[in-house]
Structure formats: structure tokens, C-alpha cells
Amino acid sequence: MTGGFELGSDGPSLILVGVDGSRTSLRAAAYAGGLARRERCPLVAVYVKKTPAAAGMDAGAGVAMVLTGDEIEQELRDLVEGRGPDLGVDVRFEVRFGDPYVELTKAADELRADALVVGASESAGHRIIGSLAGRLVKAGRWPVTVVP
């Protein structure tokens, strides 16, 4: 063998899925759950809370966004953690704060994820500035599955 130590194995040992409550992220979570079940590996669902720049302009708007984020977090946590036992999958739910790309890549590195699953962006603006999925694929550090 000419290269260094290979970390891989026959199939993934941990799958990471990014969730944000959107239709495509929920489909990604369902796909990742099925994949984790078939591969008999743990699944970590990561929800990244982000605060839009406009929230700093109006304190009331910032509080409303935090409350909405907390509600989304609880709904996602209940959904993800509730489905794990049904699928026979060891599922963990994590919340991170900041930029979704930065936080998902940090989580994948820290957890030594073998695969990432994310939903395709439904935003037209991402055709111009690039989507989260596209940025993760370009990073080239893990296999990335993008669920429509």
C-alpha cells in the first residue's frame, strides 16, 4: 500500500444528516434513517440555528426568531428521536449555532462521519451564491448525498 492509513471500512460507521425543518431536509432525514438502518450504523441529526443579520436591528424581531428557532428545534428533536427506535437505529440529535456549512463540516470532522446527507435547497438565490449541498460536495471530504 503506497498511501497512508485508511480510515474506512465496509460501509459507513456514522451518518450525519443536516435538518432545518424544510421539506427537503425532512426527506433527507428519512433517507438517512433508512440508510443507517440498512448499514447498521448510528445516525446523528444536526440542526444549526442561525440568526439573520436583520435580527439585530429590532430586538422584538430577534426574540421572535429565537422563539421560532426553539420551536423548530423541539419539533425536530421529537421527530428524529421518536423515529430512531421505530427504525432500530441509534439516533442522536445535536444543535449547533452559526453558519450551517461551517457547523456541519465541524460536526462531521468531530464525529468522524463517513457520510453526509442533506436536502436540496429550495431557494432560487442559491443558484447564484451556491447552496449548502453544493458547498459540502465541493469540500470533497465526505460522500455527500443530496435528497431532492
C-alpha atoms as a PDB file:
ATOM      1  CA  MET A   1       0.000   0.000   0.000  1.00  0.00           C
ATOM      2  CA  THR A   2       1.532   3.288  -1.068  1.00  0.00           C
ATOM      3  CA  GLY A   3      -0.848   5.664   0.772  1.00  0.00           C
ATOM      4  CA  GLY A   4      -1.346   6.292   4.470  1.00  0.00           C
ATOM      5  CA  PHE A   5      -3.637   4.541   6.875  1.00  0.00           C
ATOM      6  CA  GLU A   6      -7.154   4.022   5.524  1.00  0.00           C
ATOM      7  CA  LEU A   7      -9.861   5.019   7.985  1.00  0.00           C
ATOM      8  CA  GLY A   8     -12.664   3.390   6.004  1.00  0.00           C
ATOM      9  CA  SER A   9     -14.484   0.126   6.437  1.00  0.00           C
ATOM     10  CA  ASP A  10     -17.190  -1.839   4.662  1.00  0.00           C
ATOM     11  CA  GLY A  11     -19.883   0.818   4.794  1.00  0.00           C
ATOM     12  CA  PRO A  12     -20.264   3.871   6.962  1.00  0.00           C
ATOM     13  CA  SER A  13     -19.745   3.762  10.720  1.00  0.00           C
ATOM     14  CA  LEU A  14     -21.664   7.025  11.260  1.00  0.00           C
ATOM     15  CA  ILE A  15     -24.016   9.044   9.054  1.00  0.00           C
ATOM     16  CA  LEU A  16     -24.655  12.742   9.657  1.00  0.00           C
ATOM     17  CA  VAL A  17     -27.798  14.443   8.358  1.00  0.00           C
ATOM     18  CA  GLY A  18     -28.466  18.171   8.368  1.00  0.00           C
ATOM     19  CA  VAL A  19     -32.025  19.128   9.313  1.00  0.00           C
ATOM     20  CA  ASP A  20     -33.718  22.519   9.381  1.00  0.00           C
ATOM     21  CA  GLY A  21     -37.423  21.731   9.170  1.00  0.00           C
ATOM     22  CA  SER A  22     -37.706  22.259   5.407  1.00  0.00           C
ATOM     23  CA  ARG A  23     -39.451  19.662   3.245  1.00  0.00           C
ATOM     24  CA  THR A  24     -36.189  18.580   1.650  1.00  0.00           C
ATOM     25  CA  SER A  25     -34.353  18.281   4.974  1.00  0.00           C
ATOM     26  CA  LEU A  26     -37.139  16.093   6.359  1.00  0.00           C
ATOM     27  CA  ARG A  27     -36.886  13.882   3.277  1.00  0.00           C
ATOM     28  CA  ALA A  28     -33.104  13.808   3.788  1.00  0.00           C
ATOM     29  CA  ALA A  29     -33.618  12.721   7.408  1.00  0.00           C
ATOM     30  CA  ALA A  30     -35.972   9.931   6.311  1.00  0.00           C
ATOM     31  CA  TYR A  31     -33.486   8.768   3.666  1.00  0.00           C
ATOM     32  CA  ALA A  32     -30.585   8.934   6.150  1.00  0.00           C
ATOM     33  CA  GLY A  33     -32.617   6.952   8.696  1.00  0.00           C
ATOM     34  CA  GLY A  34     -33.251   4.198   6.170  1.00  0.00           C
ATOM     35  CA  LEU A  35     -29.602   4.204   5.128  1.00  0.00           C
ATOM     36  CA  ALA A  36     -28.453   3.976   8.765  1.00  0.00           C
ATOM     37  CA  ARG A  37     -30.863   1.082   9.337  1.00  0.00           C
ATOM     38  CA  ARG A  38     -29.612  -0.811   6.281  1.00  0.00           C
ATOM     39  CA  GLU A  39     -25.957  -0.146   7.124  1.00  0.00           C
ATOM     40  CA  ARG A  40     -26.495  -0.835  10.846  1.00  0.00           C
ATOM     41  CA  CYS A  41     -24.740   2.348  11.906  1.00  0.00           C
ATOM     42  CA  PRO A  42     -25.599   5.327  14.122  1.00  0.00           C
ATOM     43  CA  LEU A  43     -27.218   8.476  12.757  1.00  0.00           C
ATOM     44  CA  VAL A  44     -26.581  11.988  14.016  1.00  0.00           C
ATOM     45  CA  ALA A  45     -29.054  14.691  13.020  1.00  0.00           C
ATOM     46  CA  VAL A  46     -27.667  18.221  13.275  1.00  0.00           C
ATOM     47  CA  TYR A  47     -29.852  21.326  13.431  1.00  0.00           C
ATOM     48  CA  VAL A  48     -27.944  24.574  13.001  1.00  0.00           C
ATOM     49  CA  LYS A  49     -29.594  27.652  14.451  1.00  0.00           C
ATOM     50  CA  LYS A  50     -28.667  30.779  12.596  1.00  0.00           C
ATOM     51  CA  THR A  51     -29.600  34.384  13.366  1.00  0.00           C
ATOM     52  CA  PRO A  52     -30.220  36.570  10.332  1.00  0.00           C
ATOM     53  CA  ALA A  53     -28.307  39.853  10.300  1.00  0.00           C
ATOM     54  CA  ALA A  54     -31.588  41.808  10.298  1.00  0.00           C
ATOM     55  CA  ALA A  55     -32.452  40.440  13.745  1.00  0.00           C
ATOM     56  CA  GLY A  56     -30.013  42.874  15.344  1.00  0.00           C
ATOM     57  CA  MET A  57     -31.970  45.855  14.041  1.00  0.00           C
ATOM     58  CA  ASP A  58     -35.127  45.151  16.059  1.00  0.00           C
ATOM     59  CA  ALA A  59     -34.977  43.489  19.460  1.00  0.00           C
ATOM     60  CA  GLY A  60     -38.555  42.240  19.122  1.00  0.00           C
ATOM     61  CA  ALA A  61     -37.771  40.562  15.816  1.00  0.00           C
ATOM     62  CA  GLY A  62     -34.713  38.900  17.350  1.00  0.00           C
ATOM     63  CA  VAL A  63     -36.763  37.487  20.234  1.00  0.00           C
ATOM     64  CA  ALA A  64     -39.416  36.204  17.815  1.00  0.00           C
ATOM     65  CA  MET A  65     -36.747  34.499  15.687  1.00  0.00           C
ATOM     66  CA  VAL A  66     -35.206  32.835  18.762  1.00  0.00           C
ATOM     67  CA  LEU A  67     -38.613  31.566  19.882  1.00  0.00           C
ATOM     68  CA  THR A  68     -39.352  30.245  16.398  1.00  0.00           C
ATOM     69  CA  GLY A  69     -35.944  28.561  16.299  1.00  0.00           C
ATOM     70  CA  ASP A  70     -36.621  26.956  19.689  1.00  0.00           C
ATOM     71  CA  GLU A  71     -39.979  25.633  18.464  1.00  0.00           C
ATOM     72  CA  ILE A  72     -38.403  24.214  15.300  1.00  0.00           C
ATOM     73  CA  GLU A  73     -35.637  22.648  17.396  1.00  0.00           C
ATOM     74  CA  GLN A  74     -38.112  20.906  19.712  1.00  0.00           C
ATOM     75  CA  GLU A  75     -40.253  19.637  16.823  1.00  0.00           C
ATOM     76  CA  LEU A  76     -37.185  18.285  15.026  1.00  0.00           C
ATOM     77  CA  ARG A  77     -35.796  16.717  18.206  1.00  0.00           C
ATOM     78  CA  ASP A  78     -39.115  14.954  18.908  1.00  0.00           C
ATOM     79  CA  LEU A  79     -39.392  13.756  15.319  1.00  0.00           C
ATOM     80  CA  VAL A  80     -35.827  12.496  14.994  1.00  0.00           C
ATOM     81  CA  GLU A  81     -35.549  10.900  18.418  1.00  0.00           C
ATOM     82  CA  GLY A  82     -39.036   9.394  18.106  1.00  0.00           C
ATOM     83  CA  ARG A  83     -38.304   7.674  14.785  1.00  0.00           C
ATOM     84  CA  GLY A  84     -34.970   6.121  15.812  1.00  0.00           C
ATOM     85  CA  PRO A  85     -36.418   3.298  17.929  1.00  0.00           C
ATOM     86  CA  ASP A  86     -39.069   2.593  15.264  1.00  0.00           C
ATOM     87  CA  LEU A  87     -36.287   2.062  12.722  1.00  0.00           C
ATOM     88  CA  GLY A  88     -33.989   0.234  15.122  1.00  0.00           C
ATOM     89  CA  VAL A  89     -31.357   2.946  14.661  1.00  0.00           C
ATOM     90  CA  ASP A  90     -29.183   4.618  17.284  1.00  0.00           C
ATOM     91  CA  VAL A  91     -30.082   8.278  16.674  1.00  0.00           C
ATOM     92  CA  ARG A  92     -28.647  11.393  18.281  1.00  0.00           C
ATOM     93  CA  PHE A  93     -29.875  14.957  17.812  1.00  0.00           C
ATOM     94  CA  GLU A  94     -27.442  17.872  18.104  1.00  0.00           C
ATOM     95  CA  VAL A  95     -27.991  21.605  17.980  1.00  0.00           C
ATOM     96  CA  ARG A  96     -25.254  23.948  16.831  1.00  0.00           C
ATOM     97  CA  PHE A  97     -25.166  27.694  16.347  1.00  0.00           C
ATOM     98  CA  GLY A  98     -23.809  29.656  13.403  1.00  0.00           C
ATOM     99  CA  ASP A  99     -23.362  29.135   9.696  1.00  0.00           C
ATOM    100  CA  PRO A 100     -24.812  25.790   8.536  1.00  0.00           C
ATOM    101  CA  TYR A 101     -21.855  24.986   6.257  1.00  0.00           C
ATOM    102  CA  VAL A 102     -19.265  25.709   8.941  1.00  0.00           C
ATOM    103  CA  GLU A 103     -21.159  23.873  11.659  1.00  0.00           C
ATOM    104  CA  LEU A 104     -21.985  20.793   9.571  1.00  0.00           C
ATOM    105  CA  THR A 105     -18.373  20.441   8.440  1.00  0.00           C
ATOM    106  CA  LYS A 106     -17.148  20.855  12.037  1.00  0.00           C
ATOM    107  CA  ALA A 107     -19.663  18.276  13.253  1.00  0.00           C
ATOM    108  CA  ALA A 108     -18.679  15.834  10.503  1.00  0.00           C
ATOM    109  CA  ASP A 109     -14.991  16.227  11.381  1.00  0.00           C
ATOM    110  CA  GLU A 110     -15.513  15.993  15.159  1.00  0.00           C
ATOM    111  CA  LEU A 111     -17.801  12.962  14.912  1.00  0.00           C
ATOM    112  CA  ARG A 112     -15.715  11.337  12.174  1.00  0.00           C
ATOM    113  CA  ALA A 113     -18.762  10.956   9.967  1.00  0.00           C
ATOM    114  CA  ASP A 114     -18.361   8.697   6.974  1.00  0.00           C
ATOM    115  CA  ALA A 115     -21.248  10.217   5.005  1.00  0.00           C
ATOM    116  CA  LEU A 116     -23.357  13.379   4.969  1.00  0.00           C
ATOM    117  CA  VAL A 117     -26.966  13.649   3.863  1.00  0.00           C
ATOM    118  CA  VAL A 118     -28.667  16.988   3.219  1.00  0.00           C
ATOM    119  CA  GLY A 119     -31.761  18.204   1.453  1.00  0.00           C
ATOM    120  CA  ALA A 120     -31.529  20.151  -1.778  1.00  0.00           C
ATOM    121  CA  SER A 121     -32.061  23.887  -1.430  1.00  0.00           C
ATOM    122  CA  GLU A 122     -35.445  25.213  -2.419  1.00  0.00           C
ATOM    123  CA  SER A 123     -34.152  28.791  -2.624  1.00  0.00           C
ATOM    124  CA  ALA A 124     -33.750  30.404  -6.047  1.00  0.00           C
ATOM    125  CA  GLY A 125     -30.966  32.614  -4.673  1.00  0.00           C
ATOM    126  CA  HIS A 126     -28.732  29.613  -4.167  1.00  0.00           C
ATOM    127  CA  ARG A 127     -28.339  29.281  -7.911  1.00  0.00           C
ATOM    128  CA  ILE A 128     -26.265  32.453  -7.715  1.00  0.00           C
ATOM    129  CA  ILE A 129     -24.389  32.168  -4.405  1.00  0.00           C
ATOM    130  CA  GLY A 130     -24.283  28.379  -4.146  1.00  0.00           C
ATOM    131  CA  SER A 131     -26.234  26.014  -1.944  1.00  0.00           C
ATOM    132  CA  LEU A 132     -25.181  24.322   1.249  1.00  0.00           C
ATOM    133  CA  ALA A 133     -25.239  20.963  -0.550  1.00  0.00           C
ATOM    134  CA  GLY A 134     -23.050  22.281  -3.355  1.00  0.00           C
ATOM    135  CA  ARG A 135     -20.535  23.692  -0.894  1.00  0.00           C
ATOM    136  CA  LEU A 136     -20.375  20.388   1.011  1.00  0.00           C
ATOM    137  CA  VAL A 137     -19.821  18.452  -2.211  1.00  0.00           C
ATOM    138  CA  LYS A 138     -17.067  20.878  -3.277  1.00  0.00           C
ATOM    139  CA  ALA A 139     -15.341  20.437   0.092  1.00  0.00           C
ATOM    140  CA  GLY A 140     -14.670  16.862  -1.084  1.00  0.00           C
ATOM    141  CA  ARG A 141     -14.081  15.449   2.390  1.00  0.00           C
ATOM    142  CA  TRP A 142     -17.012  13.025   2.642  1.00  0.00           C
ATOM    143  CA  PRO A 143     -19.517  11.374   0.358  1.00  0.00           C
ATOM    144  CA  VAL A 144     -22.497  13.743   0.284  1.00  0.00           C
ATOM    145  CA  THR A 145     -25.988  12.619  -0.662  1.00  0.00           C
ATOM    146  CA  VAL A 146     -28.341  15.415  -1.725  1.00  0.00           C
ATOM    147  CA  VAL A 147     -32.017  14.498  -1.409  1.00  0.00           C
ATOM    148  CA  PRO A 148     -34.474  16.430  -3.600  1.00  0.00           C
END
